[in-house]
Amino acid sequence: MNADRERGFTLISALFLIVVLALVAAAMARTSVVQSSTVTMGSGGSAAFYAAKAGLEWAVYKAVKQGVACPATSAGGFHLDGFTVVVRCEASSHDDPLPRQLLHLTSVASRGTRGQPDFVERELEATVAVPAL
């Protein structure tokens, strides 16, 4: 009679151990998925930053080297490595002590659809002084 009870206790212990190990494995899998998505979003944010920076550099080049009064992209922007980059420009004239224009440039790089988990966007601003045209 005692041996039958011991066998039943072993079965309960084995089932308990299996359930605990399954819960630990599920928790580890969940942690791995969260960590992977965090790394992916972090690298997406870095890529968006550099795409926005490229948009600013393009606008500064257009203003300084090519003499474009206020460089800006069309409403659709341009595409760079999966990102849509839109550059806006606001110009203001100043005459103290020399005539010059201040260009306030804003570059926005985005990928994905707003509200979705894979959406990423970065915005950079710069002000550039150029001789009056």
C-alpha atoms as a PDB file:
ATOM      1  CA  MET A   1       0.000   0.000   0.000  1.00  0.00           C
ATOM      2  CA  ASN A   2       2.841   2.377   0.840  1.00  0.00           C
ATOM      3  CA  ALA A   3       4.548   1.737  -2.530  1.00  0.00           C
ATOM      4  CA  ASP A   4       1.388   2.759  -4.452  1.00  0.00           C
ATOM      5  CA  ARG A   5       1.243   6.092  -2.641  1.00  0.00           C
ATOM      6  CA  GLU A   6       4.903   6.782  -3.402  1.00  0.00           C
ATOM      7  CA  ARG A   7       4.354   6.145  -7.115  1.00  0.00           C
ATOM      8  CA  GLY A   8       1.485   8.613  -7.174  1.00  0.00           C
ATOM      9  CA  PHE A   9       3.612  11.219  -5.423  1.00  0.00           C
ATOM     10  CA  THR A  10       6.347  10.780  -8.042  1.00  0.00           C
ATOM     11  CA  LEU A  11       3.844  11.351 -10.840  1.00  0.00           C
ATOM     12  CA  ILE A  12       2.572  14.576  -9.226  1.00  0.00           C
ATOM     13  CA  SER A  13       6.145  15.784  -8.683  1.00  0.00           C
ATOM     14  CA  ALA A  14       7.037  15.051 -12.320  1.00  0.00           C
ATOM     15  CA  LEU A  15       3.979  16.933 -13.609  1.00  0.00           C
ATOM     16  CA  PHE A  16       4.760  19.902 -11.356  1.00  0.00           C
ATOM     17  CA  LEU A  17       8.348  19.975 -12.612  1.00  0.00           C
ATOM     18  CA  ILE A  18       7.200  19.833 -16.258  1.00  0.00           C
ATOM     19  CA  VAL A  19       4.759  22.732 -15.729  1.00  0.00           C
ATOM     20  CA  VAL A  20       7.410  24.853 -13.989  1.00  0.00           C
ATOM     21  CA  LEU A  21       9.962  24.203 -16.745  1.00  0.00           C
ATOM     22  CA  ALA A  22       7.381  25.047 -19.429  1.00  0.00           C
ATOM     23  CA  LEU A  23       6.613  28.369 -17.695  1.00  0.00           C
ATOM     24  CA  VAL A  24      10.319  29.205 -17.466  1.00  0.00           C
ATOM     25  CA  ALA A  25      10.797  28.381 -21.169  1.00  0.00           C
ATOM     26  CA  ALA A  26       7.805  30.574 -22.115  1.00  0.00           C
ATOM     27  CA  ALA A  27       9.159  33.481 -20.053  1.00  0.00           C
ATOM     28  CA  MET A  28      12.582  33.148 -21.691  1.00  0.00           C
ATOM     29  CA  ALA A  29      11.015  33.097 -25.173  1.00  0.00           C
ATOM     30  CA  ARG A  30       8.980  36.226 -24.386  1.00  0.00           C
ATOM     31  CA  THR A  31      12.068  38.029 -23.090  1.00  0.00           C
ATOM     32  CA  SER A  32      13.957  37.083 -26.249  1.00  0.00           C
ATOM     33  CA  VAL A  33      11.200  38.460 -28.496  1.00  0.00           C
ATOM     34  CA  VAL A  34      11.039  41.755 -26.570  1.00  0.00           C
ATOM     35  CA  GLN A  35      14.818  42.126 -26.646  1.00  0.00           C
ATOM     36  CA  SER A  36      14.932  41.425 -30.385  1.00  0.00           C
ATOM     37  CA  SER A  37      12.250  44.011 -31.177  1.00  0.00           C
ATOM     38  CA  THR A  38      13.992  46.571 -28.945  1.00  0.00           C
ATOM     39  CA  VAL A  39      17.264  46.127 -30.836  1.00  0.00           C
ATOM     40  CA  THR A  40      15.458  46.337 -34.186  1.00  0.00           C
ATOM     41  CA  MET A  41      13.677  49.569 -33.235  1.00  0.00           C
ATOM     42  CA  GLY A  42      16.920  51.042 -31.892  1.00  0.00           C
ATOM     43  CA  SER A  43      18.741  50.409 -35.146  1.00  0.00           C
ATOM     44  CA  GLY A  44      15.734  51.781 -37.074  1.00  0.00           C
ATOM     45  CA  GLY A  45      15.910  54.972 -35.005  1.00  0.00           C
ATOM     46  CA  SER A  46      19.606  55.357 -35.775  1.00  0.00           C
ATOM     47  CA  ALA A  47      19.000  54.822 -39.482  1.00  0.00           C
ATOM     48  CA  ALA A  48      16.176  57.411 -39.413  1.00  0.00           C
ATOM     49  CA  PHE A  49      18.496  59.903 -37.672  1.00  0.00           C
ATOM     50  CA  TYR A  50      21.134  59.528 -40.387  1.00  0.00           C
ATOM     51  CA  ALA A  51      18.528  59.771 -43.159  1.00  0.00           C
ATOM     52  CA  ALA A  52      17.249  63.045 -41.639  1.00  0.00           C
ATOM     53  CA  LYS A  53      20.848  64.256 -41.319  1.00  0.00           C
ATOM     54  CA  ALA A  54      21.410  63.474 -45.004  1.00  0.00           C
ATOM     55  CA  GLY A  55      18.366  65.612 -45.838  1.00  0.00           C
ATOM     56  CA  LEU A  56      19.820  68.537 -43.870  1.00  0.00           C
ATOM     57  CA  GLU A  57      23.206  68.166 -45.535  1.00  0.00           C
ATOM     58  CA  TRP A  58      21.537  68.116 -48.952  1.00  0.00           C
ATOM     59  CA  ALA A  59      19.685  71.366 -48.146  1.00  0.00           C
ATOM     60  CA  VAL A  60      22.805  73.082 -46.770  1.00  0.00           C
ATOM     61  CA  TYR A  61      24.738  72.079 -49.897  1.00  0.00           C
ATOM     62  CA  LYS A  62      21.990  73.453 -52.138  1.00  0.00           C
ATOM     63  CA  ALA A  63      21.931  76.754 -50.201  1.00  0.00           C
ATOM     64  CA  VAL A  64      25.668  77.319 -49.729  1.00  0.00           C
ATOM     65  CA  LYS A  65      27.289  75.763 -52.804  1.00  0.00           C
ATOM     66  CA  GLN A  66      24.553  76.134 -55.413  1.00  0.00           C
ATOM     67  CA  GLY A  67      22.948  79.358 -54.176  1.00  0.00           C
ATOM     68  CA  VAL A  68      19.391  78.019 -53.971  1.00  0.00           C
ATOM     69  CA  ALA A  69      17.400  80.634 -52.041  1.00  0.00           C
ATOM     70  CA  CYS A  70      15.458  78.195 -49.846  1.00  0.00           C
ATOM     71  CA  PRO A  71      16.016  74.526 -50.693  1.00  0.00           C
ATOM     72  CA  ALA A  72      13.123  72.245 -49.878  1.00  0.00           C
ATOM     73  CA  THR A  73      11.842  68.936 -51.217  1.00  0.00           C
ATOM     74  CA  SER A  74       8.445  68.515 -52.782  1.00  0.00           C
ATOM     75  CA  ALA A  75       5.620  67.327 -50.529  1.00  0.00           C
ATOM     76  CA  GLY A  76       6.506  63.677 -51.231  1.00  0.00           C
ATOM     77  CA  GLY A  77      10.174  64.199 -50.396  1.00  0.00           C
ATOM     78  CA  PHE A  78      12.827  61.818 -51.630  1.00  0.00           C
ATOM     79  CA  HIS A  79      13.530  58.203 -50.732  1.00  0.00           C
ATOM     80  CA  LEU A  80      16.730  57.081 -49.063  1.00  0.00           C
ATOM     81  CA  ASP A  81      17.318  53.468 -48.012  1.00  0.00           C
ATOM     82  CA  GLY A  82      13.643  52.794 -47.258  1.00  0.00           C
ATOM     83  CA  PHE A  83      13.013  56.175 -45.611  1.00  0.00           C
ATOM     84  CA  THR A  84      11.008  59.097 -46.943  1.00  0.00           C
ATOM     85  CA  VAL A  85      12.895  62.328 -46.276  1.00  0.00           C
ATOM     86  CA  VAL A  86      11.055  65.665 -46.420  1.00  0.00           C
ATOM     87  CA  VAL A  87      12.990  68.938 -46.068  1.00  0.00           C
ATOM     88  CA  ARG A  88      11.207  72.208 -45.273  1.00  0.00           C
ATOM     89  CA  CYS A  89      12.776  75.670 -45.382  1.00  0.00           C
ATOM     90  CA  GLU A  90      11.805  79.051 -43.962  1.00  0.00           C
ATOM     91  CA  ALA A  91      13.884  82.076 -44.977  1.00  0.00           C
ATOM     92  CA  SER A  92      14.242  85.454 -43.300  1.00  0.00           C
ATOM     93  CA  SER A  93      16.320  88.442 -44.417  1.00  0.00           C
ATOM     94  CA  HIS A  94      18.645  90.395 -42.133  1.00  0.00           C
ATOM     95  CA  ASP A  95      20.783  93.480 -42.784  1.00  0.00           C
ATOM     96  CA  ASP A  96      22.927  93.721 -39.660  1.00  0.00           C
ATOM     97  CA  PRO A  97      25.851  94.341 -40.333  1.00  0.00           C
ATOM     98  CA  LEU A  98      25.846  92.660 -43.783  1.00  0.00           C
ATOM     99  CA  PRO A  99      22.874  91.633 -45.898  1.00  0.00           C
ATOM    100  CA  ARG A 100      22.232  87.924 -45.366  1.00  0.00           C
ATOM    101  CA  GLN A 101      19.504  85.351 -45.255  1.00  0.00           C
ATOM    102  CA  LEU A 102      18.838  82.977 -42.393  1.00  0.00           C
ATOM    103  CA  LEU A 103      17.468  79.654 -43.518  1.00  0.00           C
ATOM    104  CA  HIS A 104      15.693  77.555 -40.905  1.00  0.00           C
ATOM    105  CA  LEU A 105      15.820  73.990 -42.274  1.00  0.00           C
ATOM    106  CA  THR A 106      13.789  71.059 -40.963  1.00  0.00           C
ATOM    107  CA  SER A 107      14.415  67.520 -42.183  1.00  0.00           C
ATOM    108  CA  VAL A 108      12.018  64.676 -41.297  1.00  0.00           C
ATOM    109  CA  ALA A 109      12.859  61.053 -42.127  1.00  0.00           C
ATOM    110  CA  SER A 110      10.214  58.372 -41.606  1.00  0.00           C
ATOM    111  CA  ARG A 111       9.559  54.729 -42.464  1.00  0.00           C
ATOM    112  CA  GLY A 112       6.372  52.741 -42.000  1.00  0.00           C
ATOM    113  CA  THR A 113       2.861  53.821 -41.108  1.00  0.00           C
ATOM    114  CA  ARG A 114       2.190  56.068 -38.114  1.00  0.00           C
ATOM    115  CA  GLY A 115       0.563  54.072 -35.322  1.00  0.00           C
ATOM    116  CA  GLN A 116       2.064  50.748 -36.427  1.00  0.00           C
ATOM    117  CA  PRO A 117       4.780  48.965 -34.398  1.00  0.00           C
ATOM    118  CA  ASP A 118       7.385  49.279 -37.169  1.00  0.00           C
ATOM    119  CA  PHE A 119       6.953  53.061 -37.590  1.00  0.00           C
ATOM    120  CA  VAL A 120      10.051  55.163 -36.968  1.00  0.00           C
ATOM    121  CA  GLU A 121      10.606  58.901 -37.490  1.00  0.00           C
ATOM    122  CA  ARG A 122      13.332  61.420 -36.689  1.00  0.00           C
ATOM    123  CA  GLU A 123      13.310  65.200 -37.152  1.00  0.00           C
ATOM    124  CA  LEU A 124      16.371  67.440 -37.258  1.00  0.00           C
ATOM    125  CA  GLU A 125      16.598  71.229 -37.537  1.00  0.00           C
ATOM    126  CA  ALA A 126      19.388  73.594 -38.501  1.00  0.00           C
ATOM    127  CA  THR A 127      19.756  77.320 -39.130  1.00  0.00           C
ATOM    128  CA  VAL A 128      22.165  78.461 -41.829  1.00  0.00           C
ATOM    129  CA  ALA A 129      23.283  82.005 -42.656  1.00  0.00           C
ATOM    130  CA  VAL A 130      23.963  82.665 -46.344  1.00  0.00           C
ATOM    131  CA  PRO A 131      24.746  85.871 -48.237  1.00  0.00           C
ATOM    132  CA  ALA A 132      21.621  87.622 -49.514  1.00  0.00           C
ATOM    133  CA  LEU A 133      20.815  86.705 -53.092  1.00  0.00           C
END
